[in-house]
PDB file of N, CA and C in Angstrom:
ATOM      1  N   MET A   1     -90.233  25.450  84.888  1.00  0.00           N
ATOM      2  CA  MET A   1     -91.355  25.869  84.752  1.00  0.00           C
ATOM      3  C   MET A   1     -91.004  25.193  86.349  1.00  0.00           C
ATOM      4  N   ILE A   2     -90.800  24.015  86.885  1.00  0.00           N
ATOM      5  CA  ILE A   2     -90.728  23.453  88.234  1.00  0.00           C
ATOM      6  C   ILE A   2     -89.774  24.526  89.093  1.00  0.00           C
ATOM      7  N   ASN A   3     -89.132  25.362  88.639  1.00  0.00           N
ATOM      8  CA  ASN A   3     -87.762  26.301  89.053  1.00  0.00           C
ATOM      9  C   ASN A   3     -88.404  26.715  89.777  1.00  0.00           C
ATOM     10  N   VAL A   4     -89.568  27.582  89.016  1.00  0.00           N
ATOM     11  CA  VAL A   4     -90.680  28.735  89.662  1.00  0.00           C
ATOM     12  C   VAL A   4     -90.490  28.249  90.747  1.00  0.00           C
ATOM     13  N   TYR A   5     -91.057  26.918  91.207  1.00  0.00           N
ATOM     14  CA  TYR A   5     -91.664  26.347  93.033  1.00  0.00           C
ATOM     15  C   TYR A   5     -91.275  26.246  93.484  1.00  0.00           C
ATOM     16  N   LEU A   6     -89.496  25.647  93.407  1.00  0.00           N
ATOM     17  CA  LEU A   6     -88.411  24.690  94.350  1.00  0.00           C
ATOM     18  C   LEU A   6     -88.591  25.672  95.705  1.00  0.00           C
ATOM     19  N   PRO A   7     -88.465  27.210  95.306  1.00  0.00           N
ATOM     20  CA  PRO A   7     -88.130  28.175  96.868  1.00  0.00           C
ATOM     21  C   PRO A   7     -89.548  28.095  97.651  1.00  0.00           C
ATOM     22  N   TYR A   8     -90.673  27.736  97.097  1.00  0.00           N
ATOM     23  CA  TYR A   8     -91.801  28.050  98.035  1.00  0.00           C
ATOM     24  C   TYR A   8     -91.913  26.523  98.791  1.00  0.00           C
ATOM     25  N   VAL A   9     -91.665  25.282  97.651  1.00  0.00           N
ATOM     26  CA  VAL A   9     -91.443  23.805  98.562  1.00  0.00           C
ATOM     27  C   VAL A   9     -90.519  23.688  99.396  1.00  0.00           C
ATOM     28  N   SER A  10     -89.494  24.132  99.511  1.00  0.00           N
ATOM     29  CA  SER A  10     -88.265  24.303  99.912  1.00  0.00           C
ATOM     30  C   SER A  10     -88.772  25.124 102.123  1.00  0.00           C
ATOM     31  N   ASP A  11     -89.036  25.978 101.263  1.00  0.00           N
ATOM     32  CA  ASP A  11     -90.196  27.031 102.202  1.00  0.00           C
ATOM     33  C   ASP A  11     -90.600  26.139 103.487  1.00  0.00           C
ATOM     34  N   ILE A  12     -92.156  25.511 102.134  1.00  0.00           N
ATOM     35  CA  ILE A  12     -93.093  24.719 103.286  1.00  0.00           C
ATOM     36  C   ILE A  12     -92.602  23.202 103.866  1.00  0.00           C
ATOM     37  N   MET A  13     -90.838  22.899 103.326  1.00  0.00           N
ATOM     38  CA  MET A  13     -90.738  22.100 104.125  1.00  0.00           C
ATOM     39  C   MET A  13     -89.796  21.960 105.020  1.00  0.00           C
ATOM     40  N   ASN A  14     -89.350  22.939 104.463  1.00  0.00           N
ATOM     41  CA  ASN A  14     -88.183  23.720 106.565  1.00  0.00           C
ATOM     42  C   ASN A  14     -89.223  24.307 107.814  1.00  0.00           C
ATOM     43  N   THR A  15     -90.355  24.707 107.596  1.00  0.00           N
ATOM     44  CA  THR A  15     -91.285  25.041 108.086  1.00  0.00           C
ATOM     45  C   THR A  15     -91.752  23.674 108.425  1.00  0.00           C
ATOM     46  N   LEU A  16     -92.275  22.259 108.040  1.00  0.00           N
ATOM     47  CA  LEU A  16     -92.297  20.764 108.447  1.00  0.00           C
ATOM     48  C   LEU A  16     -91.634  20.580 109.486  1.00  0.00           C
ATOM     49  N   GLU A  17     -90.214  20.769 108.912  1.00  0.00           N
ATOM     50  CA  GLU A  17     -89.290  20.354 109.826  1.00  0.00           C
ATOM     51  C   GLU A  17     -88.773  21.087 110.738  1.00  0.00           C
ATOM     52  N   GLU A  18     -89.251  22.422 111.028  1.00  0.00           N
ATOM     53  CA  GLU A  18     -88.963  22.758 112.660  1.00  0.00           C
ATOM     54  C   GLU A  18     -90.103  22.778 113.295  1.00  0.00           C
ATOM     55  N   GLY A  19     -91.295  22.235 112.628  1.00  0.00           N
ATOM     56  CA  GLY A  19     -92.560  22.248 114.205  1.00  0.00           C
ATOM     57  C   GLY A  19     -92.628  20.954 113.865  1.00  0.00           C
ATOM     58  N   ARG A  20     -91.648  19.586 113.481  1.00  0.00           N
ATOM     59  CA  ARG A  20     -91.308  18.007 113.716  1.00  0.00           C
ATOM     60  C   ARG A  20     -89.771  18.207 115.139  1.00  0.00           C
ATOM     61  N   ASN A  21     -89.443  19.291 114.176  1.00  0.00           N
ATOM     62  CA  ASN A  21     -87.898  19.177 115.765  1.00  0.00           C
ATOM     63  C   ASN A  21     -88.503  20.026 116.855  1.00  0.00           C
ATOM     64  N   LYS A  22     -89.429  20.891 116.782  1.00  0.00           N
ATOM     65  CA  LYS A  22     -90.233  21.425 118.247  1.00  0.00           C
ATOM     66  C   LYS A  22     -90.722  19.930 118.639  1.00  0.00           C
ATOM     67  N   CYS A  23     -91.972  19.660 117.982  1.00  0.00           N
ATOM     68  CA  CYS A  23     -92.022  18.749 118.938  1.00  0.00           C
ATOM     69  C   CYS A  23     -91.671  17.327 119.570  1.00  0.00           C
ATOM     70  N   ASP A  24     -90.456  17.112 118.705  1.00  0.00           N
ATOM     71  CA  ASP A  24     -89.380  16.215 119.540  1.00  0.00           C
ATOM     72  C   ASP A  24     -88.787  16.554 120.861  1.00  0.00           C
ATOM     73  N   GLU A  25     -88.323  18.257 120.716  1.00  0.00           N
ATOM     74  CA  GLU A  25     -87.616  18.816 121.668  1.00  0.00           C
ATOM     75  C   GLU A  25     -88.945  18.428 123.263  1.00  0.00           C
ATOM     76  N   GLN A  26     -90.118  18.829 122.665  1.00  0.00           N
ATOM     77  CA  GLN A  26     -91.243  18.473 123.868  1.00  0.00           C
ATOM     78  C   GLN A  26     -91.735  17.581 124.701  1.00  0.00           C
ATOM     79  N   ILE A  27     -91.427  16.478 123.540  1.00  0.00           N
ATOM     80  CA  ILE A  27     -91.789  14.965 124.123  1.00  0.00           C
ATOM     81  C   ILE A  27     -89.914  14.746 124.559  1.00  0.00           C
ATOM     82  N   VAL A  28     -89.249  15.465 124.716  1.00  0.00           N
ATOM     83  CA  VAL A  28     -87.916  14.660 125.675  1.00  0.00           C
ATOM     84  C   VAL A  28     -87.907  15.600 126.678  1.00  0.00           C
ATOM     85  N   GLU A  29     -88.493  16.838 126.794  1.00  0.00           N
ATOM     86  CA  GLU A  29     -88.425  18.065 127.590  1.00  0.00           C
ATOM     87  C   GLU A  29     -89.651  17.291 129.230  1.00  0.00           C
ATOM     88  N   LEU A  30     -90.903  16.690 127.871  1.00  0.00           N
ATOM     89  CA  LEU A  30     -91.976  16.045 129.214  1.00  0.00           C
ATOM     90  C   LEU A  30     -91.116  14.253 129.533  1.00  0.00           C
ATOM     91  N   ARG A  31     -90.672  13.882 129.023  1.00  0.00           N
ATOM     92  CA  ARG A  31     -90.202  12.350 129.895  1.00  0.00           C
ATOM     93  C   ARG A  31     -89.049  12.895 130.978  1.00  0.00           C
ATOM     94  N   ARG A  32     -88.250  13.852 130.883  1.00  0.00           N
ATOM     95  CA  ARG A  32     -87.282  14.497 131.612  1.00  0.00           C
ATOM     96  C   ARG A  32     -88.164  14.730 132.761  1.00  0.00           C
ATOM     97  N   GLU A  33     -89.218  16.080 132.726  1.00  0.00           N
ATOM     98  CA  GLU A  33     -90.011  16.322 133.780  1.00  0.00           C
ATOM     99  C   GLU A  33     -90.605  15.135 134.765  1.00  0.00           C
ATOM    100  N   TYR A  34     -91.306  13.958 133.286  1.00  0.00           N
ATOM    101  CA  TYR A  34     -91.964  12.739 134.103  1.00  0.00           C
ATOM    102  C   TYR A  34     -91.176  11.664 134.993  1.00  0.00           C
ATOM    103  N   TYR A  35     -89.393  12.230 134.566  1.00  0.00           N
ATOM    104  CA  TYR A  35     -89.141  10.852 134.916  1.00  0.00           C
ATOM    105  C   TYR A  35     -87.479  11.700 135.984  1.00  0.00           C
ATOM    106  N   GLU A  36     -87.647  12.807 136.168  1.00  0.00           N
ATOM    107  CA  GLU A  36     -86.326  13.539 137.053  1.00  0.00           C
ATOM    108  C   GLU A  36     -87.576  14.575 137.810  1.00  0.00           C
ATOM    109  N   ASP A  37     -88.119  15.435 137.347  1.00  0.00           N
ATOM    110  CA  ASP A  37     -88.602  16.141 138.497  1.00  0.00           C
ATOM    111  C   ASP A  37     -89.896  15.606 139.211  1.00  0.00           C
ATOM    112  N   THR A  38     -90.886  15.143 139.000  1.00  0.00           N
ATOM    113  CA  THR A  38     -92.075  14.345 139.419  1.00  0.00           C
ATOM    114  C   THR A  38     -91.734  13.537 140.265  1.00  0.00           C
ATOM    115  N   PRO A  39     -91.047  13.058 140.816  1.00  0.00           N
ATOM    116  CA  PRO A  39     -91.274  11.991 142.199  1.00  0.00           C
ATOM    117  C   PRO A  39     -90.483  12.531 143.439  1.00  0.00           C
ATOM    118  N   LYS A  40     -89.980  13.885 142.653  1.00  0.00           N
ATOM    119  CA  LYS A  40     -89.773  15.226 144.149  1.00  0.00           C
ATOM    120  C   LYS A  40     -90.971  15.675 144.758  1.00  0.00           C
ATOM    121  N   LEU A  41     -92.013  15.537 143.933  1.00  0.00           N
ATOM    122  CA  LEU A  41     -93.452  15.827 144.760  1.00  0.00           C
ATOM    123  C   LEU A  41     -94.101  14.842 145.475  1.00  0.00           C
ATOM    124  N   PRO A  42     -94.794  15.741 145.917  1.00  0.00           N
ATOM    125  CA  PRO A  42     -95.677  14.744 147.154  1.00  0.00           C
ATOM    126  C   PRO A  42     -96.897  14.198 146.950  1.00  0.00           C
ATOM    127  N   ARG A  43     -97.637  13.449 147.076  1.00  0.00           N
ATOM    128  CA  ARG A  43     -98.161  11.911 146.388  1.00  0.00           C
ATOM    129  C   ARG A  43     -99.052  12.568 145.925  1.00  0.00           C
ATOM    130  N   LYS A  44    -100.007  13.468 146.559  1.00  0.00           N
ATOM    131  CA  LYS A  44    -101.401  13.507 145.532  1.00  0.00           C
ATOM    132  C   LYS A  44    -100.329  15.017 144.402  1.00  0.00           C
ATOM    133  N   LEU A  45    -100.097  15.395 144.199  1.00  0.00           N
ATOM    134  CA  LEU A  45     -99.234  16.916 143.797  1.00  0.00           C
ATOM    135  C   LEU A  45     -98.630  15.722 142.008  1.00  0.00           C
ATOM    136  N   LYS A  46     -97.907  14.722 142.709  1.00  0.00           N
ATOM    137  CA  LYS A  46     -97.052  13.703 141.783  1.00  0.00           C
ATOM    138  C   LYS A  46     -98.374  13.092 140.546  1.00  0.00           C
ATOM    139  N   LYS A  47     -98.919  12.116 141.275  1.00  0.00           N
ATOM    140  CA  LYS A  47     -99.747  11.846 140.650  1.00  0.00           C
ATOM    141  C   LYS A  47    -100.950  12.770 139.577  1.00  0.00           C
ATOM    142  N   LYS A  48    -101.332  13.928 139.709  1.00  0.00           N
ATOM    143  CA  LYS A  48    -101.987  14.944 139.200  1.00  0.00           C
ATOM    144  C   LYS A  48    -100.999  15.265 138.197  1.00  0.00           C
ATOM    145  N   ARG A  49     -99.664  15.483 138.455  1.00  0.00           N
ATOM    146  CA  ARG A  49     -98.930  16.053 137.633  1.00  0.00           C
ATOM    147  C   ARG A  49     -98.689  15.033 136.081  1.00  0.00           C
ATOM    148  N   ARG A  50     -98.278  13.992 136.718  1.00  0.00           N
ATOM    149  CA  ARG A  50     -97.864  12.439 135.794  1.00  0.00           C
ATOM    150  C   ARG A  50     -99.424  12.297 134.782  1.00  0.00           C
ATOM    151  N   LYS A  51    -100.508  12.333 135.365  1.00  0.00           N
ATOM    152  CA  LYS A  51    -101.740  13.020 134.577  1.00  0.00           C
ATOM    153  C   LYS A  51    -101.585  13.315 133.583  1.00  0.00           C
ATOM    154  N   GLU A  52    -101.540  14.641 133.471  1.00  0.00           N
ATOM    155  CA  GLU A  52    -101.486  16.189 133.469  1.00  0.00           C
ATOM    156  C   GLU A  52    -100.373  15.785 132.158  1.00  0.00           C
ATOM    157  N   LEU A  53     -98.728  15.412 132.531  1.00  0.00           N
ATOM    158  CA  LEU A  53     -97.874  14.788 131.518  1.00  0.00           C
ATOM    159  C   LEU A  53     -98.318  13.829 130.604  1.00  0.00           C
ATOM    160  N   ASN A  54     -98.599  12.637 130.926  1.00  0.00           N
ATOM    161  CA  ASN A  54     -99.468  11.776 129.722  1.00  0.00           C
ATOM    162  C   ASN A  54    -100.262  11.959 128.808  1.00  0.00           C
ATOM    163  N   GLY A  55    -101.055  13.035 129.223  1.00  0.00           N
ATOM    164  CA  GLY A  55    -101.941  13.308 127.964  1.00  0.00           C
ATOM    165  C   GLY A  55    -101.428  14.515 127.513  1.00  0.00           C
ATOM    166  N   GLU A  56    -100.238  14.893 127.352  1.00  0.00           N
ATOM    167  CA  GLU A  56     -99.732  15.909 127.196  1.00  0.00           C
ATOM    168  C   GLU A  56     -98.672  15.221 125.408  1.00  0.00           C
ATOM    169  N   TYR A  57     -98.254  14.286 126.638  1.00  0.00           N
ATOM    170  CA  TYR A  57     -97.267  13.040 126.150  1.00  0.00           C
ATOM    171  C   TYR A  57     -98.288  12.143 124.898  1.00  0.00           C
ATOM    172  N   SER A  58     -99.481  11.334 125.203  1.00  0.00           N
ATOM    173  CA  SER A  58    -100.178  11.292 124.359  1.00  0.00           C
ATOM    174  C   SER A  58    -100.440  12.075 123.068  1.00  0.00           C
ATOM    175  N   PHE A  59    -100.801  13.296 123.129  1.00  0.00           N
ATOM    176  CA  PHE A  59    -101.628  14.207 122.239  1.00  0.00           C
ATOM    177  C   PHE A  59     -99.928  14.723 121.309  1.00  0.00           C
ATOM    178  N   LEU A  60     -99.016  14.754 121.318  1.00  0.00           N
ATOM    179  CA  LEU A  60     -97.950  15.107 121.140  1.00  0.00           C
ATOM    180  C   LEU A  60     -97.352  13.727 120.289  1.00  0.00           C
ATOM    181  N   MET A  61     -97.487  12.892 121.116  1.00  0.00           N
ATOM    182  CA  MET A  61     -97.157  11.583 120.354  1.00  0.00           C
ATOM    183  C   MET A  61     -97.779  11.150 118.203  1.00  0.00           C
ATOM    184  N   SER A  62     -99.347  11.449 118.827  1.00  0.00           N
ATOM    185  CA  SER A  62    -100.782  11.585 117.948  1.00  0.00           C
ATOM    186  C   SER A  62     -99.929  12.210 117.392  1.00  0.00           C
ATOM    187  N   ILE A  63     -99.781  13.392 117.669  1.00  0.00           N
ATOM    188  CA  ILE A  63     -99.261  14.205 116.235  1.00  0.00           C
ATOM    189  C   ILE A  63     -97.663  14.228 115.543  1.00  0.00           C
ATOM    190  N   ARG A  64     -97.082  13.460 116.582  1.00  0.00           N
ATOM    191  CA  ARG A  64     -96.051  12.805 115.260  1.00  0.00           C
ATOM    192  C   ARG A  64     -96.101  12.086 114.579  1.00  0.00           C
ATOM    193  N   ASN A  65     -97.252  10.813 114.858  1.00  0.00           N
ATOM    194  CA  ASN A  65     -97.485  10.078 114.272  1.00  0.00           C
ATOM    195  C   ASN A  65     -98.120  10.467 112.483  1.00  0.00           C
ATOM    196  N   PHE A  66     -98.901  11.535 113.056  1.00  0.00           N
ATOM    197  CA  PHE A  66     -99.761  11.895 111.964  1.00  0.00           C
ATOM    198  C   PHE A  66     -98.884  12.465 111.176  1.00  0.00           C
ATOM    199  N   ASP A  67     -97.897  13.068 111.299  1.00  0.00           N
ATOM    200  CA  ASP A  67     -97.004  13.910 110.927  1.00  0.00           C
ATOM    201  C   ASP A  67     -96.137  13.166 109.719  1.00  0.00           C
ATOM    202  N   LEU A  68     -95.369  11.255 110.621  1.00  0.00           N
ATOM    203  CA  LEU A  68     -94.834  10.544 109.715  1.00  0.00           C
ATOM    204  C   LEU A  68     -95.562   9.802 108.979  1.00  0.00           C
ATOM    205  N   ASN A  69     -96.484   9.818 109.264  1.00  0.00           N
ATOM    206  CA  ASN A  69     -97.766   9.014 108.185  1.00  0.00           C
ATOM    207  C   ASN A  69     -97.960   9.842 107.457  1.00  0.00           C
ATOM    208  N   SER A  70     -98.282  10.443 107.193  1.00  0.00           N
ATOM    209  CA  SER A  70     -98.752  11.910 106.320  1.00  0.00           C
ATOM    210  C   SER A  70     -97.909  11.925 105.308  1.00  0.00           C
ATOM    211  N   PHE A  71     -96.854  12.396 105.532  1.00  0.00           N
ATOM    212  CA  PHE A  71     -96.521  13.643 105.155  1.00  0.00           C
ATOM    213  C   PHE A  71     -95.044  12.883 104.247  1.00  0.00           C
ATOM    214  N   TYR A  72     -94.308  11.555 104.545  1.00  0.00           N
ATOM    215  CA  TYR A  72     -93.587  10.590 103.705  1.00  0.00           C
ATOM    216  C   TYR A  72     -94.136   9.458 103.476  1.00  0.00           C
TER     217      TYR A  72
END
């Protein structure tokens, strides 16, 4: 009986894994942009862009923590 549901569970787990990987990639990209790209900007643009990046980073980390704490 359980063998009937295994392909569906596998698909759900693959979808969750893809989402987790995509979130991790975005976090790495945000860190790279924060430390490598923003120092080259003028002062006011740098401050504005870093504020935006901090908000995005906070959001992605909350998603990641929710995923880790609720599905495992």
